[in-house]
PDB file of N, CA and C in Angstrom:
ATOM      1  N   MET A   1      67.389  72.473  75.274  1.00  0.00           N
ATOM      2  CA  MET A   1      68.438  73.499  74.909  1.00  0.00           C
ATOM      3  C   MET A   1      69.767  73.048  75.269  1.00  0.00           C
ATOM      4  N   ARG A   2      69.878  72.606  76.483  1.00  0.00           N
ATOM      5  CA  ARG A   2      71.080  72.063  77.165  1.00  0.00           C
ATOM      6  C   ARG A   2      71.646  70.999  76.363  1.00  0.00           C
ATOM      7  N   LEU A   3      70.999  70.040  75.831  1.00  0.00           N
ATOM      8  CA  LEU A   3      71.458  68.946  75.037  1.00  0.00           C
ATOM      9  C   LEU A   3      72.094  69.398  73.744  1.00  0.00           C
ATOM     10  N   HIS A   4      71.522  70.436  73.180  1.00  0.00           N
ATOM     11  CA  HIS A   4      72.245  70.955  71.950  1.00  0.00           C
ATOM     12  C   HIS A   4      73.307  71.688  72.271  1.00  0.00           C
ATOM     13  N   SER A   5      73.472  72.410  73.548  1.00  0.00           N
ATOM     14  CA  SER A   5      74.772  73.038  73.811  1.00  0.00           C
ATOM     15  C   SER A   5      75.836  72.024  74.117  1.00  0.00           C
ATOM     16  N   ALA A   6      75.580  70.963  74.818  1.00  0.00           N
ATOM     17  CA  ALA A   6      76.482  69.940  75.185  1.00  0.00           C
ATOM     18  C   ALA A   6      76.936  69.166  73.863  1.00  0.00           C
ATOM     19  N   ALA A   7      76.113  68.990  72.864  1.00  0.00           N
ATOM     20  CA  ALA A   7      76.365  68.272  71.542  1.00  0.00           C
ATOM     21  C   ALA A   7      77.254  69.179  70.733  1.00  0.00           C
ATOM     22  N   ARG A   8      77.119  70.570  70.926  1.00  0.00           N
ATOM     23  CA  ARG A   8      78.032  71.528  70.124  1.00  0.00           C
ATOM     24  C   ARG A   8      79.371  71.579  70.704  1.00  0.00           C
ATOM     25  N   VAL A   9      79.575  71.460  72.193  1.00  0.00           N
ATOM     26  CA  VAL A   9      80.661  71.443  72.850  1.00  0.00           C
ATOM     27  C   VAL A   9      81.343  70.234  72.381  1.00  0.00           C
ATOM     28  N   LEU A  10      80.749  69.008  72.599  1.00  0.00           N
ATOM     29  CA  LEU A  10      81.474  67.731  72.104  1.00  0.00           C
ATOM     30  C   LEU A  10      81.890  67.704  70.707  1.00  0.00           C
ATOM     31  N   VAL A  11      81.098  68.369  69.784  1.00  0.00           N
ATOM     32  CA  VAL A  11      81.444  68.426  68.403  1.00  0.00           C
ATOM     33  C   VAL A  11      82.604  69.190  68.276  1.00  0.00           C
ATOM     34  N   VAL A  12      82.702  70.457  68.943  1.00  0.00           N
ATOM     35  CA  VAL A  12      83.738  71.334  68.788  1.00  0.00           C
ATOM     36  C   VAL A  12      85.118  70.657  69.259  1.00  0.00           C
ATOM     37  N   ALA A  13      85.029  69.994  70.473  1.00  0.00           N
ATOM     38  CA  ALA A  13      86.089  69.372  71.116  1.00  0.00           C
ATOM     39  C   ALA A  13      86.622  68.214  70.242  1.00  0.00           C
ATOM     40  N   LEU A  14      85.855  67.547  69.667  1.00  0.00           N
ATOM     41  CA  LEU A  14      86.261  66.153  68.817  1.00  0.00           C
ATOM     42  C   LEU A  14      86.811  66.920  67.569  1.00  0.00           C
ATOM     43  N   ALA A  15      86.447  67.867  66.935  1.00  0.00           N
ATOM     44  CA  ALA A  15      86.942  68.554  65.810  1.00  0.00           C
ATOM     45  C   ALA A  15      88.499  69.022  66.119  1.00  0.00           C
ATOM     46  N   LEU A  16      88.606  69.684  67.210  1.00  0.00           N
ATOM     47  CA  LEU A  16      89.848  70.082  67.600  1.00  0.00           C
ATOM     48  C   LEU A  16      90.898  69.005  67.870  1.00  0.00           C
ATOM     49  N   VAL A  17      90.425  67.923  68.397  1.00  0.00           N
ATOM     50  CA  VAL A  17      91.288  66.762  68.642  1.00  0.00           C
ATOM     51  C   VAL A  17      91.764  66.249  67.347  1.00  0.00           C
ATOM     52  N   LEU A  18      90.794  66.189  66.330  1.00  0.00           N
ATOM     53  CA  LEU A  18      91.084  65.600  64.977  1.00  0.00           C
ATOM     54  C   LEU A  18      92.080  66.670  64.200  1.00  0.00           C
ATOM     55  N   LEU A  19      91.723  67.809  64.528  1.00  0.00           N
ATOM     56  CA  LEU A  19      92.660  68.810  63.825  1.00  0.00           C
ATOM     57  C   LEU A  19      94.004  68.798  64.365  1.00  0.00           C
ATOM     58  N   GLY A  20      94.271  68.695  65.639  1.00  0.00           N
ATOM     59  CA  GLY A  20      95.559  68.568  66.229  1.00  0.00           C
ATOM     60  C   GLY A  20      96.167  67.312  65.899  1.00  0.00           C
ATOM     61  N   THR A  21      95.601  66.272  65.740  1.00  0.00           N
ATOM     62  CA  THR A  21      96.149  65.108  65.276  1.00  0.00           C
ATOM     63  C   THR A  21      96.694  65.108  63.939  1.00  0.00           C
ATOM     64  N   ALA A  22      95.916  65.677  63.035  1.00  0.00           N
ATOM     65  CA  ALA A  22      96.210  66.057  61.563  1.00  0.00           C
ATOM     66  C   ALA A  22      97.337  67.023  61.623  1.00  0.00           C
ATOM     67  N   ALA A  23      97.558  67.863  62.324  1.00  0.00           N
ATOM     68  CA  ALA A  23      98.543  68.901  62.257  1.00  0.00           C
ATOM     69  C   ALA A  23      99.909  68.460  62.750  1.00  0.00           C
ATOM     70  N   VAL A  24      99.731  67.520  63.714  1.00  0.00           N
ATOM     71  CA  VAL A  24     101.045  66.801  64.133  1.00  0.00           C
ATOM     72  C   VAL A  24     101.573  65.879  63.023  1.00  0.00           C
ATOM     73  N   GLY A  25     100.784  65.124  62.434  1.00  0.00           N
ATOM     74  CA  GLY A  25     101.129  64.416  61.240  1.00  0.00           C
ATOM     75  C   GLY A  25     101.815  65.152  60.227  1.00  0.00           C
ATOM     76  N   ALA A  26     100.983  66.213  59.854  1.00  0.00           N
ATOM     77  CA  ALA A  26     101.703  67.107  58.726  1.00  0.00           C
ATOM     78  C   ALA A  26     103.058  67.707  59.087  1.00  0.00           C
ATOM     79  N   VAL A  27     103.074  68.223  60.243  1.00  0.00           N
ATOM     80  CA  VAL A  27     104.479  68.844  60.549  1.00  0.00           C
ATOM     81  C   VAL A  27     105.469  67.865  60.663  1.00  0.00           C
ATOM     82  N   ARG A  28     105.309  66.537  61.116  1.00  0.00           N
ATOM     83  CA  ARG A  28     106.281  65.520  61.210  1.00  0.00           C
ATOM     84  C   ARG A  28     106.597  65.114  59.578  1.00  0.00           C
ATOM     85  N   THR A  29     105.684  65.067  58.767  1.00  0.00           N
ATOM     86  CA  THR A  29     105.855  64.702  57.323  1.00  0.00           C
ATOM     87  C   THR A  29     106.721  65.619  56.716  1.00  0.00           C
ATOM     88  N   ALA A  30     106.359  67.008  56.974  1.00  0.00           N
ATOM     89  CA  ALA A  30     107.098  68.106  56.336  1.00  0.00           C
ATOM     90  C   ALA A  30     108.593  68.117  56.848  1.00  0.00           C
ATOM     91  N   GLY A  31     108.655  67.872  58.119  1.00  0.00           N
ATOM     92  CA  GLY A  31     110.168  67.816  58.590  1.00  0.00           C
ATOM     93  C   GLY A  31     110.967  66.589  57.893  1.00  0.00           C
ATOM     94  N   GLN A  32     110.400  65.427  57.695  1.00  0.00           N
ATOM     95  CA  GLN A  32     111.060  64.480  56.886  1.00  0.00           C
ATOM     96  C   GLN A  32     111.297  64.709  55.401  1.00  0.00           C
ATOM     97  N   ALA A  33     110.394  65.416  54.811  1.00  0.00           N
ATOM     98  CA  ALA A  33     110.383  65.793  53.400  1.00  0.00           C
ATOM     99  C   ALA A  33     111.654  66.959  53.322  1.00  0.00           C
ATOM    100  N   ALA A  34     111.716  67.865  54.327  1.00  0.00           N
ATOM    101  CA  ALA A  34     112.697  68.662  54.306  1.00  0.00           C
ATOM    102  C   ALA A  34     114.133  68.085  54.504  1.00  0.00           C
ATOM    103  N   GLY A  35     114.288  67.044  55.327  1.00  0.00           N
ATOM    104  CA  GLY A  35     115.452  66.192  55.425  1.00  0.00           C
ATOM    105  C   GLY A  35     115.990  65.554  54.308  1.00  0.00           C
ATOM    106  N   ARG A  36     115.043  65.187  53.360  1.00  0.00           N
ATOM    107  CA  ARG A  36     115.325  64.388  52.232  1.00  0.00           C
ATOM    108  C   ARG A  36     115.934  65.390  51.146  1.00  0.00           C
ATOM    109  N   VAL A  37     115.580  66.596  51.214  1.00  0.00           N
ATOM    110  CA  VAL A  37     116.144  67.568  50.107  1.00  0.00           C
ATOM    111  C   VAL A  37     117.478  68.234  50.353  1.00  0.00           C
ATOM    112  N   ARG A  38     117.804  68.040  51.844  1.00  0.00           N
ATOM    113  CA  ARG A  38     119.279  68.738  52.060  1.00  0.00           C
ATOM    114  C   ARG A  38     120.363  68.148  51.216  1.00  0.00           C
ATOM    115  N   PRO A  39     121.285  68.916  50.958  1.00  0.00           N
ATOM    116  CA  PRO A  39     122.397  68.155  50.146  1.00  0.00           C
ATOM    117  C   PRO A  39     123.242  67.228  51.170  1.00  0.00           C
ATOM    118  N   ALA A  40     123.910  66.326  50.388  1.00  0.00           N
ATOM    119  CA  ALA A  40     124.604  65.196  51.162  1.00  0.00           C
ATOM    120  C   ALA A  40     125.512  65.780  52.268  1.00  0.00           C
ATOM    121  N   ASN A  41     125.458  65.058  53.476  1.00  0.00           N
ATOM    122  CA  ASN A  41     126.300  65.581  54.420  1.00  0.00           C
ATOM    123  C   ASN A  41     127.753  65.407  54.223  1.00  0.00           C
ATOM    124  N   ALA A  42     128.451  66.466  54.226  1.00  0.00           N
ATOM    125  CA  ALA A  42     129.938  66.395  54.038  1.00  0.00           C
ATOM    126  C   ALA A  42     130.563  65.588  55.053  1.00  0.00           C
ATOM    127  N   ASN A  43     130.016  65.334  56.156  1.00  0.00           N
ATOM    128  CA  ASN A  43     130.504  64.553  57.273  1.00  0.00           C
ATOM    129  C   ASN A  43     130.371  62.966  57.204  1.00  0.00           C
ATOM    130  N   ASN A  44     129.504  62.639  56.114  1.00  0.00           N
ATOM    131  CA  ASN A  44     129.253  61.288  55.853  1.00  0.00           C
ATOM    132  C   ASN A  44     130.604  60.555  55.128  1.00  0.00           C
ATOM    133  N   PRO A  45     131.281  59.792  55.811  1.00  0.00           N
ATOM    134  CA  PRO A  45     132.441  59.210  55.211  1.00  0.00           C
ATOM    135  C   PRO A  45     132.196  58.420  53.739  1.00  0.00           C
ATOM    136  N   TRP A  46     131.046  57.888  53.599  1.00  0.00           N
ATOM    137  CA  TRP A  46     130.705  57.193  52.464  1.00  0.00           C
ATOM    138  C   TRP A  46     130.633  58.167  51.198  1.00  0.00           C
ATOM    139  N   HIS A  47     130.017  59.297  51.588  1.00  0.00           N
ATOM    140  CA  HIS A  47     129.851  60.437  50.552  1.00  0.00           C
ATOM    141  C   HIS A  47     131.084  60.969  50.222  1.00  0.00           C
ATOM    142  N   THR A  48     132.045  61.191  51.303  1.00  0.00           N
ATOM    143  CA  THR A  48     133.471  61.858  51.009  1.00  0.00           C
ATOM    144  C   THR A  48     134.231  60.886  50.143  1.00  0.00           C
ATOM    145  N   GLU A  49     134.100  59.578  50.373  1.00  0.00           N
ATOM    146  CA  GLU A  49     135.174  58.540  49.746  1.00  0.00           C
ATOM    147  C   GLU A  49     134.542  58.638  48.179  1.00  0.00           C
ATOM    148  N   PHE A  50     133.176  58.553  48.092  1.00  0.00           N
ATOM    149  CA  PHE A  50     132.587  58.585  46.726  1.00  0.00           C
ATOM    150  C   PHE A  50     133.046  59.765  45.812  1.00  0.00           C
ATOM    151  N   VAL A  51     132.970  60.964  46.564  1.00  0.00           N
ATOM    152  CA  VAL A  51     133.439  62.271  45.775  1.00  0.00           C
ATOM    153  C   VAL A  51     134.968  62.127  45.454  1.00  0.00           C
ATOM    154  N   LYS A  52     135.882  61.526  46.458  1.00  0.00           N
ATOM    155  CA  LYS A  52     137.156  61.596  46.164  1.00  0.00           C
ATOM    156  C   LYS A  52     137.500  60.669  44.825  1.00  0.00           C
ATOM    157  N   VAL A  53     136.859  59.493  44.817  1.00  0.00           N
ATOM    158  CA  VAL A  53     137.064  58.458  43.885  1.00  0.00           C
ATOM    159  C   VAL A  53     136.410  59.117  42.556  1.00  0.00           C
ATOM    160  N   ARG A  54     135.347  59.723  42.470  1.00  0.00           N
ATOM    161  CA  ARG A  54     134.751  60.404  41.316  1.00  0.00           C
ATOM    162  C   ARG A  54     135.576  61.414  40.806  1.00  0.00           C
ATOM    163  N   SER A  55     136.125  62.340  41.708  1.00  0.00           N
ATOM    164  CA  SER A  55     137.147  63.325  41.321  1.00  0.00           C
ATOM    165  C   SER A  55     138.283  62.848  40.453  1.00  0.00           C
ATOM    166  N   GLN A  56     138.917  61.813  40.984  1.00  0.00           N
ATOM    167  CA  GLN A  56     140.016  61.122  40.313  1.00  0.00           C
ATOM    168  C   GLN A  56     139.840  60.566  39.084  1.00  0.00           C
ATOM    169  N   PHE A  57     138.516  59.886  38.892  1.00  0.00           N
ATOM    170  CA  PHE A  57     137.968  59.328  37.604  1.00  0.00           C
ATOM    171  C   PHE A  57     137.812  60.482  36.739  1.00  0.00           C
ATOM    172  N   ALA A  58     137.115  61.547  37.007  1.00  0.00           N
ATOM    173  CA  ALA A  58     136.651  62.510  36.117  1.00  0.00           C
ATOM    174  C   ALA A  58     137.975  63.277  35.546  1.00  0.00           C
ATOM    175  N   SER A  59     139.054  63.447  36.344  1.00  0.00           N
ATOM    176  CA  SER A  59     140.323  63.944  35.911  1.00  0.00           C
ATOM    177  C   SER A  59     141.123  63.170  35.055  1.00  0.00           C
ATOM    178  N   GLY A  60     140.887  61.751  34.966  1.00  0.00           N
ATOM    179  CA  GLY A  60     141.726  60.990  34.328  1.00  0.00           C
ATOM    180  C   GLY A  60     141.030  60.275  33.089  1.00  0.00           C
ATOM    181  N   VAL A  61     139.666  60.161  32.986  1.00  0.00           N
ATOM    182  CA  VAL A  61     139.153  59.532  31.994  1.00  0.00           C
ATOM    183  C   VAL A  61     138.107  60.545  31.244  1.00  0.00           C
ATOM    184  N   PRO A  62     138.389  60.824  30.076  1.00  0.00           N
ATOM    185  CA  PRO A  62     137.350  61.811  29.208  1.00  0.00           C
ATOM    186  C   PRO A  62     135.925  61.063  29.144  1.00  0.00           C
ATOM    187  N   SER A  63     135.071  61.990  28.965  1.00  0.00           N
ATOM    188  CA  SER A  63     133.721  61.512  28.779  1.00  0.00           C
ATOM    189  C   SER A  63     133.524  60.935  27.531  1.00  0.00           C
ATOM    190  N   GLY A  64     132.701  59.746  27.300  1.00  0.00           N
ATOM    191  CA  GLY A  64     132.614  59.013  26.223  1.00  0.00           C
ATOM    192  C   GLY A  64     133.649  57.860  26.061  1.00  0.00           C
ATOM    193  N   SER A  65     134.506  57.603  27.014  1.00  0.00           N
ATOM    194  CA  SER A  65     135.557  56.566  26.909  1.00  0.00           C
ATOM    195  C   SER A  65     134.784  55.138  27.423  1.00  0.00           C
ATOM    196  N   ARG A  66     135.515  54.169  26.720  1.00  0.00           N
ATOM    197  CA  ARG A  66     135.115  52.922  27.242  1.00  0.00           C
ATOM    198  C   ARG A  66     136.135  52.379  28.249  1.00  0.00           C
ATOM    199  N   VAL A  67     135.560  51.897  29.400  1.00  0.00           N
ATOM    200  CA  VAL A  67     136.353  51.677  30.455  1.00  0.00           C
ATOM    201  C   VAL A  67     136.155  50.244  30.928  1.00  0.00           C
ATOM    202  N   THR A  68     137.323  49.500  31.260  1.00  0.00           N
ATOM    203  CA  THR A  68     137.280  48.199  31.749  1.00  0.00           C
ATOM    204  C   THR A  68     137.816  48.269  33.243  1.00  0.00           C
ATOM    205  N   LEU A  69     137.043  47.601  34.063  1.00  0.00           N
ATOM    206  CA  LEU A  69     137.401  47.601  35.549  1.00  0.00           C
ATOM    207  C   LEU A  69     138.381  46.342  35.683  1.00  0.00           C
ATOM    208  N   ALA A  70     139.754  46.728  36.365  1.00  0.00           N
ATOM    209  CA  ALA A  70     140.607  45.689  36.498  1.00  0.00           C
ATOM    210  C   ALA A  70     140.059  44.715  37.596  1.00  0.00           C
ATOM    211  N   THR A  71     140.584  43.384  37.496  1.00  0.00           N
ATOM    212  CA  THR A  71     140.299  42.465  38.417  1.00  0.00           C
ATOM    213  C   THR A  71     140.631  42.926  39.803  1.00  0.00           C
ATOM    214  N   SER A  72     141.600  43.804  39.923  1.00  0.00           N
ATOM    215  CA  SER A  72     142.087  44.106  41.259  1.00  0.00           C
ATOM    216  C   SER A  72     141.093  44.801  42.109  1.00  0.00           C
ATOM    217  N   VAL A  73     139.893  45.208  41.452  1.00  0.00           N
ATOM    218  CA  VAL A  73     138.999  45.859  42.287  1.00  0.00           C
ATOM    219  C   VAL A  73     138.046  44.661  42.860  1.00  0.00           C
ATOM    220  N   ASP A  74     138.572  44.204  44.251  1.00  0.00           N
ATOM    221  CA  ASP A  74     137.904  42.975  44.694  1.00  0.00           C
ATOM    222  C   ASP A  74     136.736  43.348  45.547  1.00  0.00           C
ATOM    223  N   SER A  75     136.331  44.589  45.817  1.00  0.00           N
ATOM    224  CA  SER A  75     135.264  44.850  46.623  1.00  0.00           C
ATOM    225  C   SER A  75     133.995  44.953  45.778  1.00  0.00           C
ATOM    226  N   PRO A  76     132.914  44.450  46.139  1.00  0.00           N
ATOM    227  CA  PRO A  76     131.805  44.377  45.330  1.00  0.00           C
ATOM    228  C   PRO A  76     131.016  45.841  45.426  1.00  0.00           C
ATOM    229  N   TYR A  77     131.332  46.362  46.681  1.00  0.00           N
ATOM    230  CA  TYR A  77     130.782  47.851  46.900  1.00  0.00           C
ATOM    231  C   TYR A  77     131.525  48.960  45.935  1.00  0.00           C
ATOM    232  N   TRP A  78     132.869  48.781  45.899  1.00  0.00           N
ATOM    233  CA  TRP A  78     133.363  49.517  44.989  1.00  0.00           C
ATOM    234  C   TRP A  78     133.465  49.314  43.547  1.00  0.00           C
ATOM    235  N   THR A  79     133.175  47.986  43.230  1.00  0.00           N
ATOM    236  CA  THR A  79     132.945  47.808  41.808  1.00  0.00           C
ATOM    237  C   THR A  79     131.607  48.376  41.395  1.00  0.00           C
ATOM    238  N   GLN A  80     130.632  48.209  42.160  1.00  0.00           N
ATOM    239  CA  GLN A  80     129.391  48.963  41.801  1.00  0.00           C
ATOM    240  C   GLN A  80     129.447  50.568  41.844  1.00  0.00           C
ATOM    241  N   ARG A  81     130.154  51.126  42.688  1.00  0.00           N
ATOM    242  CA  ARG A  81     130.567  52.517  42.785  1.00  0.00           C
ATOM    243  C   ARG A  81     131.283  53.002  41.584  1.00  0.00           C
ATOM    244  N   LEU A  82     132.164  52.260  41.124  1.00  0.00           N
ATOM    245  CA  LEU A  82     132.862  52.580  39.794  1.00  0.00           C
ATOM    246  C   LEU A  82     132.037  52.533  38.666  1.00  0.00           C
ATOM    247  N   VAL A  83     131.149  51.583  38.606  1.00  0.00           N
ATOM    248  CA  VAL A  83     130.225  51.406  37.411  1.00  0.00           C
ATOM    249  C   VAL A  83     129.516  52.941  37.429  1.00  0.00           C
ATOM    250  N   GLU A  84     128.844  53.127  38.719  1.00  0.00           N
ATOM    251  CA  GLU A  84     128.047  54.357  38.699  1.00  0.00           C
ATOM    252  C   GLU A  84     128.874  55.615  38.317  1.00  0.00           C
ATOM    253  N   ILE A  85     130.024  55.734  39.009  1.00  0.00           N
ATOM    254  CA  ILE A  85     130.834  56.956  38.502  1.00  0.00           C
ATOM    255  C   ILE A  85     131.063  56.998  37.049  1.00  0.00           C
ATOM    256  N   ALA A  86     131.391  56.021  36.459  1.00  0.00           N
ATOM    257  CA  ALA A  86     131.668  56.060  35.167  1.00  0.00           C
ATOM    258  C   ALA A  86     130.433  56.426  34.246  1.00  0.00           C
ATOM    259  N   MET A  87     129.272  55.806  34.548  1.00  0.00           N
ATOM    260  CA  MET A  87     128.058  56.352  34.093  1.00  0.00           C
ATOM    261  C   MET A  87     127.880  57.924  34.253  1.00  0.00           C
ATOM    262  N   LEU A  88     127.914  58.261  35.560  1.00  0.00           N
ATOM    263  CA  LEU A  88     127.692  59.641  35.889  1.00  0.00           C
ATOM    264  C   LEU A  88     128.775  60.628  35.022  1.00  0.00           C
ATOM    265  N   GLU A  89     129.897  60.109  34.876  1.00  0.00           N
ATOM    266  CA  GLU A  89     130.931  60.845  34.061  1.00  0.00           C
ATOM    267  C   GLU A  89     130.889  60.703  32.583  1.00  0.00           C
ATOM    268  N   GLY A  90     129.888  60.061  32.054  1.00  0.00           N
ATOM    269  CA  GLY A  90     129.618  59.856  30.490  1.00  0.00           C
ATOM    270  C   GLY A  90     130.544  58.624  29.974  1.00  0.00           C
ATOM    271  N   SER A  91     130.969  57.825  30.788  1.00  0.00           N
ATOM    272  CA  SER A  91     131.884  56.728  30.300  1.00  0.00           C
ATOM    273  C   SER A  91     131.180  55.535  30.040  1.00  0.00           C
ATOM    274  N   TYR A  92     131.496  54.425  29.264  1.00  0.00           N
ATOM    275  CA  TYR A  92     130.969  53.161  29.218  1.00  0.00           C
ATOM    276  C   TYR A  92     131.631  52.076  29.814  1.00  0.00           C
ATOM    277  N   VAL A  93     131.133  51.396  30.573  1.00  0.00           N
ATOM    278  CA  VAL A  93     131.989  50.110  31.236  1.00  0.00           C
ATOM    279  C   VAL A  93     131.681  48.943  30.321  1.00  0.00           C
ATOM    280  N   VAL A  94     132.761  48.335  29.864  1.00  0.00           N
ATOM    281  CA  VAL A  94     132.938  47.107  28.808  1.00  0.00           C
ATOM    282  C   VAL A  94     133.487  45.881  29.730  1.00  0.00           C
ATOM    283  N   ARG A  95     133.234  44.892  29.106  1.00  0.00           N
ATOM    284  CA  ARG A  95     133.664  43.557  29.691  1.00  0.00           C
ATOM    285  C   ARG A  95     135.080  43.466  29.412  1.00  0.00           C
ATOM    286  N   PRO A  96     135.881  42.750  30.239  1.00  0.00           N
ATOM    287  CA  PRO A  96     137.257  42.614  29.912  1.00  0.00           C
ATOM    288  C   PRO A  96     137.433  41.639  28.586  1.00  0.00           C
ATOM    289  N   GLY A  97     138.288  42.090  27.943  1.00  0.00           N
ATOM    290  CA  GLY A  97     138.515  41.417  26.580  1.00  0.00           C
ATOM    291  C   GLY A  97     137.716  42.164  25.487  1.00  0.00           C
ATOM    292  N   GLU A  98     136.843  43.113  25.660  1.00  0.00           N
ATOM    293  CA  GLU A  98     136.336  43.913  24.676  1.00  0.00           C
ATOM    294  C   GLU A  98     137.218  45.262  24.432  1.00  0.00           C
ATOM    295  N   THR A  99     137.078  45.808  23.315  1.00  0.00           N
ATOM    296  CA  THR A  99     137.972  46.872  23.079  1.00  0.00           C
ATOM    297  C   THR A  99     137.589  48.118  24.157  1.00  0.00           C
ATOM    298  N   THR A 100     138.625  48.498  24.604  1.00  0.00           N
ATOM    299  CA  THR A 100     138.511  49.468  25.771  1.00  0.00           C
ATOM    300  C   THR A 100     139.543  50.691  25.539  1.00  0.00           C
ATOM    301  N   ASP A 101     139.222  51.774  26.055  1.00  0.00           N
ATOM    302  CA  ASP A 101     140.046  52.861  26.012  1.00  0.00           C
ATOM    303  C   ASP A 101     140.915  53.078  27.327  1.00  0.00           C
ATOM    304  N   TYR A 102     140.453  52.678  28.335  1.00  0.00           N
ATOM    305  CA  TYR A 102     141.130  52.746  29.719  1.00  0.00           C
ATOM    306  C   TYR A 102     140.934  51.491  30.546  1.00  0.00           C
ATOM    307  N   THR A 103     141.629  50.967  31.328  1.00  0.00           N
ATOM    308  CA  THR A 103     141.517  50.253  32.451  1.00  0.00           C
ATOM    309  C   THR A 103     141.592  50.940  33.751  1.00  0.00           C
ATOM    310  N   VAL A 104     140.808  50.788  34.692  1.00  0.00           N
ATOM    311  CA  VAL A 104     140.713  51.331  35.933  1.00  0.00           C
ATOM    312  C   VAL A 104     140.803  50.351  37.016  1.00  0.00           C
ATOM    313  N   SER A 105     141.653  50.510  38.032  1.00  0.00           N
ATOM    314  CA  SER A 105     141.716  49.869  39.272  1.00  0.00           C
ATOM    315  C   SER A 105     141.718  50.817  40.501  1.00  0.00           C
ATOM    316  N   LEU A 106     141.289  50.223  41.532  1.00  0.00           N
ATOM    317  CA  LEU A 106     141.220  51.093  42.717  1.00  0.00           C
ATOM    318  C   LEU A 106     141.954  50.257  43.848  1.00  0.00           C
ATOM    319  N   ASN A 107     142.744  50.993  44.603  1.00  0.00           N
ATOM    320  CA  ASN A 107     143.331  50.481  45.818  1.00  0.00           C
ATOM    321  C   ASN A 107     142.310  50.816  46.824  1.00  0.00           C
ATOM    322  N   THR A 108     141.570  49.946  47.331  1.00  0.00           N
ATOM    323  CA  THR A 108     140.580  50.155  48.343  1.00  0.00           C
ATOM    324  C   THR A 108     141.011  50.635  49.513  1.00  0.00           C
ATOM    325  N   GLY A 109     142.376  50.458  49.934  1.00  0.00           N
ATOM    326  CA  GLY A 109     143.115  50.814  51.240  1.00  0.00           C
ATOM    327  C   GLY A 109     143.147  52.252  51.472  1.00  0.00           C
ATOM    328  N   ASN A 110     143.630  52.762  50.243  1.00  0.00           N
ATOM    329  CA  ASN A 110     143.912  54.396  50.293  1.00  0.00           C
ATOM    330  C   ASN A 110     142.983  55.102  49.289  1.00  0.00           C
ATOM    331  N   LEU A 111     141.989  54.423  48.570  1.00  0.00           N
ATOM    332  CA  LEU A 111     141.124  54.871  47.641  1.00  0.00           C
ATOM    333  C   LEU A 111     141.937  55.647  46.565  1.00  0.00           C
ATOM    334  N   ARG A 112     143.041  55.035  46.122  1.00  0.00           N
ATOM    335  CA  ARG A 112     143.859  55.640  45.038  1.00  0.00           C
ATOM    336  C   ARG A 112     143.534  54.835  43.712  1.00  0.00           C
ATOM    337  N   LEU A 113     142.957  55.757  42.664  1.00  0.00           N
ATOM    338  CA  LEU A 113     142.613  55.167  41.491  1.00  0.00           C
ATOM    339  C   LEU A 113     143.645  55.134  40.529  1.00  0.00           C
ATOM    340  N   THR A 114     143.843  53.957  39.861  1.00  0.00           N
ATOM    341  CA  THR A 114     144.862  53.911  38.784  1.00  0.00           C
ATOM    342  C   THR A 114     144.324  53.639  37.491  1.00  0.00           C
ATOM    343  N   ILE A 115     144.753  54.712  36.570  1.00  0.00           N
ATOM    344  CA  ILE A 115     143.923  54.636  35.167  1.00  0.00           C
ATOM    345  C   ILE A 115     145.045  54.389  34.211  1.00  0.00           C
ATOM    346  N   GLU A 116     144.836  53.435  33.410  1.00  0.00           N
ATOM    347  CA  GLU A 116     145.865  53.072  32.241  1.00  0.00           C
ATOM    348  C   GLU A 116     145.278  53.264  30.978  1.00  0.00           C
ATOM    349  N   ARG A 117     145.695  53.992  30.051  1.00  0.00           N
ATOM    350  CA  ARG A 117     145.318  54.102  28.652  1.00  0.00           C
ATOM    351  C   ARG A 117     145.668  52.978  27.930  1.00  0.00           C
ATOM    352  N   GLN A 118     144.624  52.430  27.248  1.00  0.00           N
ATOM    353  CA  GLN A 118     144.866  51.100  26.446  1.00  0.00           C
ATOM    354  C   GLN A 118     145.186  51.328  25.054  1.00  0.00           C
ATOM    355  N   ARG A 119     144.828  52.310  24.434  1.00  0.00           N
ATOM    356  CA  ARG A 119     145.233  52.524  22.839  1.00  0.00           C
ATOM    357  C   ARG A 119     145.589  53.769  22.616  1.00  0.00           C
TER     358      ARG A 119
END
């Protein structure tokens, strides 16, 4: 009888340890998931800069326009961001020399977007 009682206590203790370990993992995972669905942090300088440039683009280039990036955009980071912004705003990026509606250049020092109508 004592052996069965000791075995039961051991099984219950082991089950509690396993349950506690699983609970810690579940809580940690839930916290990470909640952090991923939060809106972008307004204090994040990259996000703030992206929103600033996107706003300038949206106000100057109508959706559906064909856009060429000027060679003055010498930053690979901003070249990629401008392509993304154009896509998000419904514009098409075309190669230099192709028929285009607007040429877009960016002063990366002050993040001032220059938009020139081509036709």
